[in-house]
Every structure is written in C-alpha cells, then in structure tokens.
Amino acid sequence: MNRTAAEPADDAFAAPDAGYGTRLAAIRAAAADDGVAVVVDLHGALVDLRFERRALTKPPGELAGLIRRLAAEAGADALRQGRELLGSLLPEEPEPAARPHRPPEPESWAPATWAT
C-alpha cells in the first residue's frame, strides 16, 4: 500500500485518541548558534526568532545563511519528534516510491526554444 507522507499525520488527527492532534500541534524544536536562536513547529515553520547584539553585526547574507541552517536543524528535530509520537501509526520501513517507467527520448541537436 502506497501512502503519502501526510497520511499518517491525517490519521493521527482523525484517531479516536484526540490527543495525537493536540500533541502534534504542540511540537516545537529549537536551535541556537552564534547569537541567533530559532524555534520551529512540526512543519518547520518559524515560530520564534531571537538575536543577540553580536548577531546583528554580521553581514546580511551570512546572517540569513545562519538562520536557514538553524531552521533546518530545528526542523529535522521537530520531524524526529513527530515520528516518535506517531510511531504506532507509521510503518517500520517506508515502501520505496514507485517511479513510472518512461523510455528515454532520442537525442536531438536542435536548439530548444519556446518556438519549437
């Protein structure tokens, strides 16, 4: 049976034990480094962002990269927490996604343009 990634979470919200949905919604994960602290929810959405003064002296690109890295780290932790909570609803080993077989297209040396 092929299931999408969202189906176990949908099952949890529809489960007789309504506590699953509440507990999933309450999941938060944090990461901090170099004067920046982030908190994300189960979906990886940023719910809190804090800066120390020293972080604000960084160039904008460096600060943005740091925020993205910390959000990704916290997001991975939030997903781990969600997986632990849904452990009984998730399969032990996910089934590999089936890819439709498509024959290779013949090579063409003609330029690809919007007109062709």
Protein backbone atom coordinates (compact mmCIF):
# COMPACT_ATOMS: atom_id res chain seq x y z
CA MET A 1 0.00 0.00 0.00
CA ASN A 2 1.50 3.36 -1.03
CA ARG A 3 0.80 6.20 1.38
CA THR A 4 1.76 9.81 1.10
CA ALA A 5 3.85 11.43 3.79
CA ALA A 6 0.84 13.41 5.02
CA GLU A 7 -1.49 10.44 5.51
CA PRO A 8 -0.05 9.25 8.87
CA ALA A 9 -0.49 12.77 10.25
CA ASP A 10 -4.05 12.86 8.90
CA ASP A 11 -4.66 9.50 10.62
CA ALA A 12 -3.36 10.95 13.88
CA PHE A 13 -5.75 13.90 13.76
CA ALA A 14 -8.65 11.55 12.96
CA ALA A 15 -7.65 8.90 15.52
CA PRO A 16 -10.04 8.12 18.38
CA ASP A 17 -7.39 9.41 20.79
CA ALA A 18 -7.76 13.10 20.05
CA GLY A 19 -4.58 13.72 21.98
CA TYR A 20 -2.49 12.94 18.90
CA GLY A 21 -3.56 16.09 17.10
CA THR A 22 -3.00 18.26 20.13
CA ARG A 23 0.41 16.75 20.79
CA LEU A 24 1.44 17.11 17.13
CA ALA A 25 0.36 20.76 17.12
CA ALA A 26 2.41 21.38 20.27
CA ILE A 27 5.69 20.07 18.85
CA ARG A 28 8.44 22.68 18.87
CA ALA A 29 12.16 22.36 18.27
CA ALA A 30 14.91 24.90 18.85
CA ALA A 31 18.42 25.52 17.60
CA ALA A 32 20.87 28.27 18.50
CA ASP A 33 24.35 29.33 17.46
CA ASP A 34 26.46 32.45 17.18
CA GLY A 35 23.90 34.79 18.75
CA VAL A 36 20.85 33.54 16.85
CA ALA A 37 18.10 31.32 18.28
CA VAL A 38 15.21 29.83 16.28
CA VAL A 39 12.15 27.79 17.21
CA VAL A 40 10.10 25.93 14.59
CA ASP A 41 6.92 23.86 14.67
CA LEU A 42 6.35 20.36 13.31
CA HIS A 43 6.12 21.71 9.76
CA GLY A 44 9.40 23.61 10.05
CA ALA A 45 7.62 26.96 10.16
CA LEU A 46 9.46 29.58 12.17
CA VAL A 47 7.55 30.43 15.36
CA ASP A 48 10.28 32.38 17.19
CA LEU A 49 13.48 34.13 16.13
CA ARG A 50 15.82 35.92 18.54
CA PHE A 51 19.07 37.78 18.05
CA GLU A 52 21.81 38.81 20.42
CA ARG A 53 23.51 42.12 19.60
CA ARG A 54 26.60 40.39 18.22
CA ALA A 55 24.50 38.54 15.62
CA LEU A 56 23.30 41.84 14.19
CA THR A 57 26.86 42.83 13.28
CA LYS A 58 27.06 40.03 10.70
CA PRO A 59 26.69 40.78 7.00
CA PRO A 60 23.09 40.16 5.84
CA GLY A 61 23.97 37.15 3.67
CA GLU A 62 25.87 35.47 6.49
CA LEU A 63 23.05 36.13 8.97
CA ALA A 64 20.46 34.77 6.51
CA GLY A 65 22.55 31.63 5.97
CA LEU A 66 22.86 31.10 9.71
CA ILE A 67 19.10 31.46 10.18
CA ARG A 68 18.41 28.98 7.35
CA ARG A 69 20.89 26.45 8.79
CA LEU A 70 19.43 26.71 12.30
CA ALA A 71 15.86 26.46 10.98
CA ALA A 72 16.81 23.32 9.04
CA GLU A 73 18.43 21.75 12.12
CA ALA A 74 15.42 22.56 14.29
CA GLY A 75 13.05 21.34 11.55
CA ALA A 76 14.81 17.97 11.42
CA ASP A 77 14.46 17.67 15.19
CA ALA A 78 10.76 18.58 15.03
CA LEU A 79 10.17 15.89 12.40
CA ARG A 80 12.01 13.36 14.58
CA GLN A 81 9.73 14.28 17.49
CA GLY A 82 6.67 13.88 15.27
CA ARG A 83 7.86 10.49 14.04
CA GLU A 84 8.38 9.33 17.63
CA LEU A 85 4.89 10.47 18.56
CA LEU A 86 3.34 8.75 15.54
CA GLY A 87 5.46 5.63 15.90
CA SER A 88 2.49 3.30 16.21
CA LEU A 89 0.84 4.76 13.09
CA LEU A 90 3.92 4.74 10.84
CA PRO A 91 5.26 1.66 9.06
CA GLU A 92 8.60 0.31 10.27
CA GLU A 93 10.21 0.61 6.84
CA PRO A 94 8.74 3.01 4.32
CA GLU A 95 7.99 1.46 0.95
CA PRO A 96 10.10 2.81 -1.89
CA ALA A 97 8.22 5.21 -4.11
CA ALA A 98 7.26 3.69 -7.43
CA ARG A 99 8.51 5.60 -10.44
CA PRO A 100 6.73 5.27 -13.74
CA HIS A 101 8.96 3.83 -16.45
CA ARG A 102 9.50 6.19 -19.33
CA PRO A 103 11.59 5.23 -22.34
CA PRO A 104 14.50 7.59 -23.00
CA GLU A 105 13.84 10.31 -25.52
CA PRO A 106 16.01 10.32 -28.63
CA GLU A 107 18.79 12.88 -28.53
CA SER A 108 18.29 15.94 -30.63
CA TRP A 109 20.89 18.53 -31.51
CA ALA A 110 18.25 21.10 -32.43
CA PRO A 111 18.24 24.11 -30.12
CA ALA A 112 15.44 24.08 -27.60
CA THR A 113 13.42 27.29 -27.76
CA TRP A 114 9.94 28.33 -26.87
CA ALA A 115 9.04 28.19 -30.54
CA THR A 116 9.95 24.52 -31.03
